[in-house]
Amino acid sequence: MFFSKPFAAAVGAICMLAGAVNAYSGDATYYYTGLGNCGAQSKDTDFIVALSTQEYNNGAHCWKHIKVHYGGKTIDATVVDSCPGCSRYSIDLSPSAFKALAPLSAGRIPVTWSFA
């Protein structure tokens, strides 16, 4: 089957826009890890994330991966916990995941993220 270039370009643009709809903006902070709400023990060196209570959705996203973007850098983090103190679309990262984006001394950074 053959599609014209304009048709293929239009389909590609629609797919990109559909992906953009699933991007979220919020703040990222960091926390010291341990036993998460998904039931596993984590270490501060793991690239993990706690989602706000709304996004955590009673564990519906446990073990899913998210892509986090800040300052031209992108990391992949695994959902293992909820963050009751986080506002909607804000996330709490392990120290190592946060440090891959910014120094811990920053404390809080504005990020965009999406499910991988």
PDB file of N, CA and C in Angstrom:
ATOM      1  N   MET A   1       0.849  -1.165   0.000  1.00  0.00           N
ATOM      2  CA  MET A   1       0.000   0.000   0.000  1.00  0.00           C
ATOM      3  C   MET A   1       0.898   1.232   0.000  1.00  0.00           C
ATOM      4  N   PHE A   2       0.561   2.238  -0.789  1.00  0.00           N
ATOM      5  CA  PHE A   2       1.364   3.448  -0.931  1.00  0.00           C
ATOM      6  C   PHE A   2       0.552   4.651  -0.471  1.00  0.00           C
ATOM      7  N   PHE A   3       1.161   5.510   0.360  1.00  0.00           N
ATOM      8  CA  PHE A   3       0.519   6.741   0.794  1.00  0.00           C
ATOM      9  C   PHE A   3       1.330   7.923   0.283  1.00  0.00           C
ATOM     10  N   SER A   4       0.645   8.992  -0.054  1.00  0.00           N
ATOM     11  CA  SER A   4       1.337  10.188  -0.524  1.00  0.00           C
ATOM     12  C   SER A   4       2.144  10.803   0.617  1.00  0.00           C
ATOM     13  N   LYS A   5       3.160  11.579   0.267  1.00  0.00           N
ATOM     14  CA  LYS A   5       3.987  12.233   1.283  1.00  0.00           C
ATOM     15  C   LYS A   5       3.167  13.179   2.165  1.00  0.00           C
ATOM     16  N   PRO A   6       2.248  13.990   1.569  1.00  0.00           N
ATOM     17  CA  PRO A   6       1.453  14.867   2.438  1.00  0.00           C
ATOM     18  C   PRO A   6       0.588  14.075   3.424  1.00  0.00           C
ATOM     19  N   PHE A   7       0.039  12.954   2.989  1.00  0.00           N
ATOM     20  CA  PHE A   7      -0.784  12.138   3.872  1.00  0.00           C
ATOM     21  C   PHE A   7       0.066  11.567   5.006  1.00  0.00           C
ATOM     22  N   ALA A   8       1.215  11.034   4.659  1.00  0.00           N
ATOM     23  CA  ALA A   8       2.106  10.463   5.665  1.00  0.00           C
ATOM     24  C   ALA A   8       2.569  11.534   6.656  1.00  0.00           C
ATOM     25  N   ALA A   9       2.859  12.730   6.166  1.00  0.00           N
ATOM     26  CA  ALA A   9       3.276  13.828   7.041  1.00  0.00           C
ATOM     27  C   ALA A   9       2.149  14.218   7.987  1.00  0.00           C
ATOM     28  N   ALA A  10       0.921  14.247   7.485  1.00  0.00           N
ATOM     29  CA  ALA A  10      -0.234  14.594   8.316  1.00  0.00           C
ATOM     30  C   ALA A  10      -0.437  13.552   9.410  1.00  0.00           C
ATOM     31  N   VAL A  11      -0.319  12.291   9.057  1.00  0.00           N
ATOM     32  CA  VAL A  11      -0.472  11.225  10.052  1.00  0.00           C
ATOM     33  C   VAL A  11       0.623  11.346  11.112  1.00  0.00           C
ATOM     34  N   GLY A  12       1.855  11.625  10.703  1.00  0.00           N
ATOM     35  CA  GLY A  12       2.958  11.805  11.650  1.00  0.00           C
ATOM     36  C   GLY A  12       2.704  12.963  12.589  1.00  0.00           C
ATOM     37  N   ALA A  13       2.209  14.078  12.052  1.00  0.00           N
ATOM     38  CA  ALA A  13       1.926  15.253  12.884  1.00  0.00           C
ATOM     39  C   ALA A  13       0.837  14.951  13.903  1.00  0.00           C
ATOM     40  N   ILE A  14      -0.183  14.213  13.486  1.00  0.00           N
ATOM     41  CA  ILE A  14      -1.270  13.847  14.397  1.00  0.00           C
ATOM     42  C   ILE A  14      -0.729  12.956  15.510  1.00  0.00           C
ATOM     43  N   CYS A  15       0.126  12.012  15.171  1.00  0.00           N
ATOM     44  CA  CYS A  15       0.709  11.129  16.186  1.00  0.00           C
ATOM     45  C   CYS A  15       1.544  11.921  17.181  1.00  0.00           C
ATOM     46  N   MET A  16       2.313  12.899  16.695  1.00  0.00           N
ATOM     47  CA  MET A  16       3.121  13.724  17.588  1.00  0.00           C
ATOM     48  C   MET A  16       2.231  14.540  18.514  1.00  0.00           C
ATOM     49  N   LEU A  17       1.151  15.097  17.984  1.00  0.00           N
ATOM     50  CA  LEU A  17       0.237  15.870  18.815  1.00  0.00           C
ATOM     51  C   LEU A  17      -0.443  14.993  19.846  1.00  0.00           C
ATOM     52  N   ALA A  18      -0.794  13.779  19.468  1.00  0.00           N
ATOM     53  CA  ALA A  18      -1.424  12.861  20.414  1.00  0.00           C
ATOM     54  C   ALA A  18      -0.475  12.575  21.565  1.00  0.00           C
ATOM     55  N   GLY A  19       0.806  12.428  21.292  1.00  0.00           N
ATOM     56  CA  GLY A  19       1.789  12.204  22.343  1.00  0.00           C
ATOM     57  C   GLY A  19       1.943  13.421  23.235  1.00  0.00           C
ATOM     58  N   ALA A  20       1.853  14.612  22.646  1.00  0.00           N
ATOM     59  CA  ALA A  20       2.007  15.841  23.416  1.00  0.00           C
ATOM     60  C   ALA A  20       0.871  16.024  24.404  1.00  0.00           C
ATOM     61  N   VAL A  21      -0.297  15.492  24.103  1.00  0.00           N
ATOM     62  CA  VAL A  21      -1.447  15.613  24.987  1.00  0.00           C
ATOM     63  C   VAL A  21      -1.153  14.931  26.311  1.00  0.00           C
ATOM     64  N   ASN A  22      -0.306  13.922  26.310  1.00  0.00           N
ATOM     65  CA  ASN A  22       0.000  13.153  27.507  1.00  0.00           C
ATOM     66  C   ASN A  22       1.187  13.700  28.279  1.00  0.00           C
ATOM     67  N   ALA A  23       1.658  14.896  27.955  1.00  0.00           N
ATOM     68  CA  ALA A  23       2.766  15.502  28.689  1.00  0.00           C
ATOM     69  C   ALA A  23       2.207  16.348  29.829  1.00  0.00           C
ATOM     70  N   TYR A  24       2.875  16.285  30.969  1.00  0.00           N
ATOM     71  CA  TYR A  24       2.436  17.009  32.153  1.00  0.00           C
ATOM     72  C   TYR A  24       3.537  17.965  32.596  1.00  0.00           C
ATOM     73  N   SER A  25       3.147  19.044  33.234  1.00  0.00           N
ATOM     74  CA  SER A  25       4.101  20.010  33.778  1.00  0.00           C
ATOM     75  C   SER A  25       3.861  20.150  35.269  1.00  0.00           C
ATOM     76  N   GLY A  26       4.931  20.169  36.021  1.00  0.00           N
ATOM     77  CA  GLY A  26       4.844  20.332  37.468  1.00  0.00           C
ATOM     78  C   GLY A  26       6.232  20.537  38.028  1.00  0.00           C
ATOM     79  N   ASP A  27       6.348  20.470  39.324  1.00  0.00           N
ATOM     80  CA  ASP A  27       7.647  20.603  39.979  1.00  0.00           C
ATOM     81  C   ASP A  27       8.171  19.220  40.333  1.00  0.00           C
ATOM     82  N   ALA A  28       9.482  19.097  40.331  1.00  0.00           N
ATOM     83  CA  ALA A  28      10.134  17.887  40.819  1.00  0.00           C
ATOM     84  C   ALA A  28      10.934  18.247  42.060  1.00  0.00           C
ATOM     85  N   THR A  29      10.800  17.422  43.060  1.00  0.00           N
ATOM     86  CA  THR A  29      11.594  17.506  44.272  1.00  0.00           C
ATOM     87  C   THR A  29      12.255  16.138  44.434  1.00  0.00           C
ATOM     88  N   TYR A  30      12.965  15.926  45.533  1.00  0.00           N
ATOM     89  CA  TYR A  30      13.542  14.601  45.757  1.00  0.00           C
ATOM     90  C   TYR A  30      13.253  14.157  47.182  1.00  0.00           C
ATOM     91  N   TYR A  31      13.307  12.846  47.382  1.00  0.00           N
ATOM     92  CA  TYR A  31      13.085  12.268  48.703  1.00  0.00           C
ATOM     93  C   TYR A  31      14.010  11.076  48.891  1.00  0.00           C
ATOM     94  N   TYR A  32      14.266  10.746  50.144  1.00  0.00           N
ATOM     95  CA  TYR A  32      15.098   9.585  50.443  1.00  0.00           C
ATOM     96  C   TYR A  32      14.203   8.353  50.456  1.00  0.00           C
ATOM     97  N   THR A  33      14.616   7.354  49.732  1.00  0.00           N
ATOM     98  CA  THR A  33      13.784   6.205  49.399  1.00  0.00           C
ATOM     99  C   THR A  33      13.716   5.186  50.536  1.00  0.00           C
ATOM    100  N   GLY A  34      12.992   4.141  50.277  1.00  0.00           N
ATOM    101  CA  GLY A  34      12.794   3.050  51.230  1.00  0.00           C
ATOM    102  C   GLY A  34      11.692   2.163  50.680  1.00  0.00           C
ATOM    103  N   LEU A  35      10.781   1.747  51.530  1.00  0.00           N
ATOM    104  CA  LEU A  35       9.654   0.930  51.095  1.00  0.00           C
ATOM    105  C   LEU A  35       8.593   1.832  50.480  1.00  0.00           C
ATOM    106  N   GLY A  36       8.310   1.633  49.202  1.00  0.00           N
ATOM    107  CA  GLY A  36       7.322   2.446  48.504  1.00  0.00           C
ATOM    108  C   GLY A  36       5.936   1.839  48.554  1.00  0.00           C
ATOM    109  N   ASN A  37       4.944   2.633  48.193  1.00  0.00           N
ATOM    110  CA  ASN A  37       3.558   2.164  48.206  1.00  0.00           C
ATOM    111  C   ASN A  37       3.286   1.047  47.203  1.00  0.00           C
ATOM    112  N   CYS A  38       4.161   0.865  46.218  1.00  0.00           N
ATOM    113  CA  CYS A  38       3.984  -0.239  45.270  1.00  0.00           C
ATOM    114  C   CYS A  38       4.482  -1.559  45.858  1.00  0.00           C
ATOM    115  N   GLY A  39       5.069  -1.508  47.065  1.00  0.00           N
ATOM    116  CA  GLY A  39       5.429  -2.720  47.772  1.00  0.00           C
ATOM    117  C   GLY A  39       6.864  -3.175  47.647  1.00  0.00           C
ATOM    118  N   ALA A  40       7.732  -2.373  47.099  1.00  0.00           N
ATOM    119  CA  ALA A  40       9.138  -2.775  46.947  1.00  0.00           C
ATOM    120  C   ALA A  40      10.057  -1.796  47.662  1.00  0.00           C
ATOM    121  N   GLN A  41      11.177  -2.319  48.107  1.00  0.00           N
ATOM    122  CA  GLN A  41      12.218  -1.518  48.730  1.00  0.00           C
ATOM    123  C   GLN A  41      13.067  -0.901  47.621  1.00  0.00           C
ATOM    124  N   SER A  42      13.366   0.375  47.720  1.00  0.00           N
ATOM    125  CA  SER A  42      14.210   1.062  46.737  1.00  0.00           C
ATOM    126  C   SER A  42      15.403   1.682  47.432  1.00  0.00           C
ATOM    127  N   LYS A  43      16.426   1.979  46.629  1.00  0.00           N
ATOM    128  CA  LYS A  43      17.630   2.640  47.123  1.00  0.00           C
ATOM    129  C   LYS A  43      17.706   4.036  46.514  1.00  0.00           C
ATOM    130  N   ASP A  44      18.430   4.915  47.172  1.00  0.00           N
ATOM    131  CA  ASP A  44      18.586   6.285  46.689  1.00  0.00           C
ATOM    132  C   ASP A  44      19.281   6.333  45.329  1.00  0.00           C
ATOM    133  N   THR A  45      19.996   5.278  44.966  1.00  0.00           N
ATOM    134  CA  THR A  45      20.694   5.237  43.679  1.00  0.00           C
ATOM    135  C   THR A  45      19.796   4.758  42.531  1.00  0.00           C
ATOM    136  N   ASP A  46      18.600   4.245  42.848  1.00  0.00           N
ATOM    137  CA  ASP A  46      17.648   3.817  41.806  1.00  0.00           C
ATOM    138  C   ASP A  46      16.991   5.043  41.177  1.00  0.00           C
ATOM    139  N   PHE A  47      16.698   4.971  39.906  1.00  0.00           N
ATOM    140  CA  PHE A  47      15.958   6.055  39.242  1.00  0.00           C
ATOM    141  C   PHE A  47      14.470   5.756  39.402  1.00  0.00           C
ATOM    142  N   ILE A  48      13.915   6.278  40.502  1.00  0.00           N
ATOM    143  CA  ILE A  48      12.513   6.028  40.814  1.00  0.00           C
ATOM    144  C   ILE A  48      11.781   7.344  41.014  1.00  0.00           C
ATOM    145  N   VAL A  49      10.443   7.228  41.007  1.00  0.00           N
ATOM    146  CA  VAL A  49       9.610   8.417  41.147  1.00  0.00           C
ATOM    147  C   VAL A  49       8.366   8.082  41.965  1.00  0.00           C
ATOM    148  N   ALA A  50       7.932   9.063  42.735  1.00  0.00           N
ATOM    149  CA  ALA A  50       6.652   9.020  43.425  1.00  0.00           C
ATOM    150  C   ALA A  50       5.749  10.031  42.722  1.00  0.00           C
ATOM    151  N   LEU A  51       4.584   9.571  42.308  1.00  0.00           N
ATOM    152  CA  LEU A  51       3.620  10.454  41.643  1.00  0.00           C
ATOM    153  C   LEU A  51       2.700  11.093  42.679  1.00  0.00           C
ATOM    154  N   SER A  52       2.152  12.251  42.341  1.00  0.00           N
ATOM    155  CA  SER A  52       1.160  12.870  43.221  1.00  0.00           C
ATOM    156  C   SER A  52       0.024  11.866  43.425  1.00  0.00           C
ATOM    157  N   THR A  53      -0.695  12.027  44.517  1.00  0.00           N
ATOM    158  CA  THR A  53      -1.762  11.085  44.848  1.00  0.00           C
ATOM    159  C   THR A  53      -2.756  10.921  43.701  1.00  0.00           C
ATOM    160  N   GLN A  54      -3.085  12.027  43.015  1.00  0.00           N
ATOM    161  CA  GLN A  54      -4.037  11.944  41.900  1.00  0.00           C
ATOM    162  C   GLN A  54      -3.503  11.069  40.773  1.00  0.00           C
ATOM    163  N   GLU A  55      -2.246  11.261  40.389  1.00  0.00           N
ATOM    164  CA  GLU A  55      -1.679  10.472  39.290  1.00  0.00           C
ATOM    165  C   GLU A  55      -1.345   9.053  39.731  1.00  0.00           C
ATOM    166  N   TYR A  56      -0.973   8.874  40.987  1.00  0.00           N
ATOM    167  CA  TYR A  56      -0.675   7.534  41.500  1.00  0.00           C
ATOM    168  C   TYR A  56      -1.910   6.640  41.373  1.00  0.00           C
ATOM    169  N   ASN A  57      -3.075   7.225  41.621  1.00  0.00           N
ATOM    170  CA  ASN A  57      -4.366   6.561  41.369  1.00  0.00           C
ATOM    171  C   ASN A  57      -4.441   5.181  42.030  1.00  0.00           C
ATOM    172  N   ASN A  58      -4.177   5.151  43.328  1.00  0.00           N
ATOM    173  CA  ASN A  58      -4.251   3.898  44.095  1.00  0.00           C
ATOM    174  C   ASN A  58      -3.388   2.787  43.523  1.00  0.00           C
ATOM    175  N   GLY A  59      -2.261   3.139  42.958  1.00  0.00           N
ATOM    176  CA  GLY A  59      -1.324   2.142  42.454  1.00  0.00           C
ATOM    177  C   GLY A  59      -1.516   1.740  41.010  1.00  0.00           C
ATOM    178  N   ALA A  60      -2.412   2.401  40.305  1.00  0.00           N
ATOM    179  CA  ALA A  60      -2.687   2.029  38.905  1.00  0.00           C
ATOM    180  C   ALA A  60      -1.450   2.171  38.015  1.00  0.00           C
ATOM    181  N   HIS A  61      -0.472   2.996  38.427  1.00  0.00           N
ATOM    182  CA  HIS A  61       0.715   3.229  37.595  1.00  0.00           C
ATOM    183  C   HIS A  61       1.986   2.592  38.161  1.00  0.00           C
ATOM    184  N   CYS A  62       1.839   1.737  39.172  1.00  0.00           N
ATOM    185  CA  CYS A  62       3.016   1.066  39.727  1.00  0.00           C
ATOM    186  C   CYS A  62       3.797   0.356  38.628  1.00  0.00           C
ATOM    187  N   TRP A  63       5.110   0.544  38.656  1.00  0.00           N
ATOM    188  CA  TRP A  63       6.090  -0.093  37.772  1.00  0.00           C
ATOM    189  C   TRP A  63       6.110   0.488  36.364  1.00  0.00           C
ATOM    190  N   LYS A  64       5.245   1.457  36.074  1.00  0.00           N
ATOM    191  CA  LYS A  64       5.328   2.132  34.771  1.00  0.00           C
ATOM    192  C   LYS A  64       6.529   3.069  34.787  1.00  0.00           C
ATOM    193  N   HIS A  65       7.007   3.373  33.606  1.00  0.00           N
ATOM    194  CA  HIS A  65       8.132   4.283  33.470  1.00  0.00           C
ATOM    195  C   HIS A  65       7.636   5.639  33.001  1.00  0.00           C
ATOM    196  N   ILE A  66       8.312   6.686  33.460  1.00  0.00           N
ATOM    197  CA  ILE A  66       8.033   8.027  32.959  1.00  0.00           C
ATOM    198  C   ILE A  66       9.345   8.623  32.447  1.00  0.00           C
ATOM    199  N   LYS A  67       9.221   9.516  31.477  1.00  0.00           N
ATOM    200  CA  LYS A  67      10.341  10.310  30.980  1.00  0.00           C
ATOM    201  C   LYS A  67      10.195  11.686  31.602  1.00  0.00           C
ATOM    202  N   VAL A  68      11.261  12.164  32.228  1.00  0.00           N
ATOM    203  CA  VAL A  68      11.258  13.472  32.890  1.00  0.00           C
ATOM    204  C   VAL A  68      12.246  14.373  32.164  1.00  0.00           C
ATOM    205  N   HIS A  69      11.814  15.596  31.824  1.00  0.00           N
ATOM    206  CA  HIS A  69      12.632  16.539  31.058  1.00  0.00           C
ATOM    207  C   HIS A  69      12.866  17.820  31.867  1.00  0.00           C
ATOM    208  N   TYR A  70      14.134  18.246  31.883  1.00  0.00           N
ATOM    209  CA  TYR A  70      14.496  19.507  32.521  1.00  0.00           C
ATOM    210  C   TYR A  70      15.826  19.983  31.951  1.00  0.00           C
ATOM    211  N   GLY A  71      15.897  21.232  31.575  1.00  0.00           N
ATOM    212  CA  GLY A  71      17.145  21.850  31.148  1.00  0.00           C
ATOM    213  C   GLY A  71      17.866  21.112  30.038  1.00  0.00           C
ATOM    214  N   GLY A  72      17.130  20.561  29.102  1.00  0.00           N
ATOM    215  CA  GLY A  72      17.729  19.833  27.990  1.00  0.00           C
ATOM    216  C   GLY A  72      18.140  18.403  28.335  1.00  0.00           C
ATOM    217  N   LYS A  73      17.866  17.969  29.546  1.00  0.00           N
ATOM    218  CA  LYS A  73      18.188  16.605  29.979  1.00  0.00           C
ATOM    219  C   LYS A  73      16.901  15.795  30.116  1.00  0.00           C
ATOM    220  N   THR A  74      17.018  14.489  29.895  1.00  0.00           N
ATOM    221  CA  THR A  74      15.881  13.579  30.038  1.00  0.00           C
ATOM    222  C   THR A  74      16.330  12.344  30.796  1.00  0.00           C
ATOM    223  N   ILE A  75      15.495  11.925  31.738  1.00  0.00           N
ATOM    224  CA  ILE A  75      15.758  10.671  32.454  1.00  0.00           C
ATOM    225  C   ILE A  75      14.527   9.778  32.365  1.00  0.00           C
ATOM    226  N   ASP A  76      14.740   8.505  32.626  1.00  0.00           N
ATOM    227  CA  ASP A  76      13.672   7.517  32.720  1.00  0.00           C
ATOM    228  C   ASP A  76      13.607   7.084  34.179  1.00  0.00           C
ATOM    229  N   ALA A  77      12.422   7.152  34.773  1.00  0.00           N
ATOM    230  CA  ALA A  77      12.252   6.757  36.171  1.00  0.00           C
ATOM    231  C   ALA A  77      11.056   5.819  36.290  1.00  0.00           C
ATOM    232  N   THR A  78      11.135   4.901  37.238  1.00  0.00           N
ATOM    233  CA  THR A  78      10.079   3.913  37.466  1.00  0.00           C
ATOM    234  C   THR A  78       9.191   4.363  38.615  1.00  0.00           C
ATOM    235  N   VAL A  79       7.873   4.277  38.423  1.00  0.00           N
ATOM    236  CA  VAL A  79       6.910   4.637  39.463  1.00  0.00           C
ATOM    237  C   VAL A  79       6.896   3.540  40.531  1.00  0.00           C
ATOM    238  N   VAL A  80       7.242   3.917  41.778  1.00  0.00           N
ATOM    239  CA  VAL A  80       7.241   2.954  42.874  1.00  0.00           C
ATOM    240  C   VAL A  80       6.513   3.472  44.116  1.00  0.00           C
ATOM    241  N   ASP A  81       6.005   4.701  44.055  1.00  0.00           N
ATOM    242  CA  ASP A  81       5.473   5.309  45.272  1.00  0.00           C
ATOM    243  C   ASP A  81       4.496   6.424  44.929  1.00  0.00           C
ATOM    244  N   SER A  82       3.789   6.869  45.956  1.00  0.00           N
ATOM    245  CA  SER A  82       2.932   8.045  45.824  1.00  0.00           C
ATOM    246  C   SER A  82       3.533   9.169  46.648  1.00  0.00           C
ATOM    247  N   CYS A  83       3.142  10.382  46.314  1.00  0.00           N
ATOM    248  CA  CYS A  83       3.638  11.565  47.011  1.00  0.00           C
ATOM    249  C   CYS A  83       2.437  12.379  47.485  1.00  0.00           C
ATOM    250  N   PRO A  84       1.956  12.117  48.701  1.00  0.00           N
ATOM    251  CA  PRO A  84       0.785  12.851  49.198  1.00  0.00           C
ATOM    252  C   PRO A  84       0.997  14.354  49.288  1.00  0.00           C
ATOM    253  N   GLY A  85       2.242  14.799  49.461  1.00  0.00           N
ATOM    254  CA  GLY A  85       2.526  16.229  49.570  1.00  0.00           C
ATOM    255  C   GLY A  85       2.723  16.933  48.243  1.00  0.00           C
ATOM    256  N   CYS A  86       2.722  16.174  47.147  1.00  0.00           N
ATOM    257  CA  CYS A  86       2.926  16.767  45.821  1.00  0.00           C
ATOM    258  C   CYS A  86       1.608  17.282  45.252  1.00  0.00           C
ATOM    259  N   SER A  87       1.657  18.455  44.644  1.00  0.00           N
ATOM    260  CA  SER A  87       0.468  18.951  43.957  1.00  0.00           C
ATOM    261  C   SER A  87       0.304  18.177  42.651  1.00  0.00           C
ATOM    262  N   ARG A  88      -0.848  18.284  42.061  1.00  0.00           N
ATOM    263  CA  ARG A  88      -1.142  17.541  40.841  1.00  0.00           C
ATOM    264  C   ARG A  88      -0.072  17.802  39.780  1.00  0.00           C
ATOM    265  N   TYR A  89       0.395  16.747  39.150  1.00  0.00           N
ATOM    266  CA  TYR A  89       1.424  16.735  38.101  1.00  0.00           C
ATOM    267  C   TYR A  89       2.836  17.004  38.621  1.00  0.00           C
ATOM    268  N   SER A  90       3.004  17.214  39.911  1.00  0.00           N
ATOM    269  CA  SER A  90       4.344  17.331  40.470  1.00  0.00           C
ATOM    270  C   SER A  90       4.801  15.944  40.900  1.00  0.00           C
ATOM    271  N   ILE A  91       6.119  15.749  40.949  1.00  0.00           N
ATOM    272  CA  ILE A  91       6.681  14.433  41.228  1.00  0.00           C
ATOM    273  C   ILE A  91       7.803  14.546  42.258  1.00  0.00           C
ATOM    274  N   ASP A  92       8.091  13.433  42.895  1.00  0.00           N
ATOM    275  CA  ASP A  92       9.172  13.327  43.856  1.00  0.00           C
ATOM    276  C   ASP A  92      10.137  12.261  43.333  1.00  0.00           C
ATOM    277  N   LEU A  93      11.370  12.626  43.086  1.00  0.00           N
ATOM    278  CA  LEU A  93      12.365  11.727  42.516  1.00  0.00           C
ATOM    279  C   LEU A  93      13.329  11.227  43.583  1.00  0.00           C
ATOM    280  N   SER A  94      13.952  10.082  43.319  1.00  0.00           N
ATOM    281  CA  SER A  94      15.047   9.631  44.175  1.00  0.00           C
ATOM    282  C   SER A  94      16.191  10.633  44.022  1.00  0.00           C
ATOM    283  N   PRO A  95      17.085  10.700  45.001  1.00  0.00           N
ATOM    284  CA  PRO A  95      18.204  11.646  44.888  1.00  0.00           C
ATOM    285  C   PRO A  95      19.021  11.467  43.607  1.00  0.00           C
ATOM    286  N   SER A  96      19.297  10.224  43.218  1.00  0.00           N
ATOM    287  CA  SER A  96      20.119  10.029  42.012  1.00  0.00           C
ATOM    288  C   SER A  96      19.385  10.475  40.750  1.00  0.00           C
ATOM    289  N   ALA A  97      18.091  10.245  40.682  1.00  0.00           N
ATOM    290  CA  ALA A  97      17.321  10.692  39.514  1.00  0.00           C
ATOM    291  C   ALA A  97      17.295  12.217  39.461  1.00  0.00           C
ATOM    292  N   PHE A  98      17.079  12.860  40.606  1.00  0.00           N
ATOM    293  CA  PHE A  98      17.066  14.319  40.650  1.00  0.00           C
ATOM    294  C   PHE A  98      18.425  14.874  40.229  1.00  0.00           C
ATOM    295  N   LYS A  99      19.518  14.275  40.778  1.00  0.00           N
ATOM    296  CA  LYS A  99      20.879  14.755  40.470  1.00  0.00           C
ATOM    297  C   LYS A  99      21.224  14.600  38.991  1.00  0.00           C
ATOM    298  N   ALA A 100      20.571  13.689  38.296  1.00  0.00           N
ATOM    299  CA  ALA A 100      20.818  13.550  36.858  1.00  0.00           C
ATOM    300  C   ALA A 100      20.249  14.737  36.085  1.00  0.00           C
ATOM    301  N   LEU A 101      19.343  15.483  36.729  1.00  0.00           N
ATOM    302  CA  LEU A 101      18.729  16.653  36.093  1.00  0.00           C
ATOM    303  C   LEU A 101      19.297  17.966  36.622  1.00  0.00           C
ATOM    304  N   ALA A 102      19.548  18.020  37.931  1.00  0.00           N
ATOM    305  CA  ALA A 102      20.003  19.261  38.574  1.00  0.00           C
ATOM    306  C   ALA A 102      20.672  18.902  39.895  1.00  0.00           C
ATOM    307  N   PRO A 103      21.478  19.826  40.446  1.00  0.00           N
ATOM    308  CA  PRO A 103      22.086  19.536  41.756  1.00  0.00           C
ATOM    309  C   PRO A 103      21.015  19.468  42.852  1.00  0.00           C
ATOM    310  N   LEU A 104      21.248  18.633  43.845  1.00  0.00           N
ATOM    311  CA  LEU A 104      20.285  18.514  44.944  1.00  0.00           C
ATOM    312  C   LEU A 104      20.022  19.860  45.609  1.00  0.00           C
ATOM    313  N   SER A 105      21.017  20.750  45.588  1.00  0.00           N
ATOM    314  CA  SER A 105      20.855  22.063  46.211  1.00  0.00           C
ATOM    315  C   SER A 105      19.753  22.889  45.546  1.00  0.00           C
ATOM    316  N   ALA A 106      19.370  22.539  44.314  1.00  0.00           N
ATOM    317  CA  ALA A 106      18.260  23.245  43.647  1.00  0.00           C
ATOM    318  C   ALA A 106      16.956  22.997  44.407  1.00  0.00           C
ATOM    319  N   GLY A 107      16.801  21.806  44.973  1.00  0.00           N
ATOM    320  CA  GLY A 107      15.639  21.497  45.800  1.00  0.00           C
ATOM    321  C   GLY A 107      14.341  21.252  45.055  1.00  0.00           C
ATOM    322  N   ARG A 108      14.006  22.148  44.162  1.00  0.00           N
ATOM    323  CA  ARG A 108      12.749  22.066  43.395  1.00  0.00           C
ATOM    324  C   ARG A 108      13.016  22.627  42.007  1.00  0.00           C
ATOM    325  N   ILE A 109      12.599  21.871  40.983  1.00  0.00           N
ATOM    326  CA  ILE A 109      12.801  22.319  39.599  1.00  0.00           C
ATOM    327  C   ILE A 109      11.505  22.120  38.807  1.00  0.00           C
ATOM    328  N   PRO A 110      11.223  22.994  37.857  1.00  0.00           N
ATOM    329  CA  PRO A 110      10.044  22.807  37.007  1.00  0.00           C
ATOM    330  C   PRO A 110      10.360  21.782  35.903  1.00  0.00           C
ATOM    331  N   VAL A 111       9.540  20.754  35.788  1.00  0.00           N
ATOM    332  CA  VAL A 111       9.788  19.693  34.807  1.00  0.00           C
ATOM    333  C   VAL A 111       8.550  19.454  33.957  1.00  0.00           C
ATOM    334  N   THR A 112       8.773  18.781  32.847  1.00  0.00           N
ATOM    335  CA  THR A 112       7.676  18.170  32.109  1.00  0.00           C
ATOM    336  C   THR A 112       7.944  16.673  32.142  1.00  0.00           C
ATOM    337  N   TRP A 113       6.886  15.892  32.114  1.00  0.00           N
ATOM    338  CA  TRP A 113       7.060  14.447  32.140  1.00  0.00           C
ATOM    339  C   TRP A 113       5.892  13.776  31.437  1.00  0.00           C
ATOM    340  N   SER A 114       6.129  12.539  31.037  1.00  0.00           N
ATOM    341  CA  SER A 114       5.086  11.746  30.378  1.00  0.00           C
ATOM    342  C   SER A 114       5.354  10.274  30.624  1.00  0.00           C
ATOM    343  N   PHE A 115       4.317   9.476  30.518  1.00  0.00           N
ATOM    344  CA  PHE A 115       4.495   8.031  30.646  1.00  0.00           C
ATOM    345  C   PHE A 115       5.256   7.551  29.414  1.00  0.00           C
ATOM    346  N   ALA A 116       6.247   6.717  29.640  1.00  0.00           N
ATOM    347  CA  ALA A 116       7.090   6.215  28.556  1.00  0.00           C
ATOM    348  C   ALA A 116       6.387   5.107  27.777  1.00  0.00           C
TER     349      ALA A 116
END
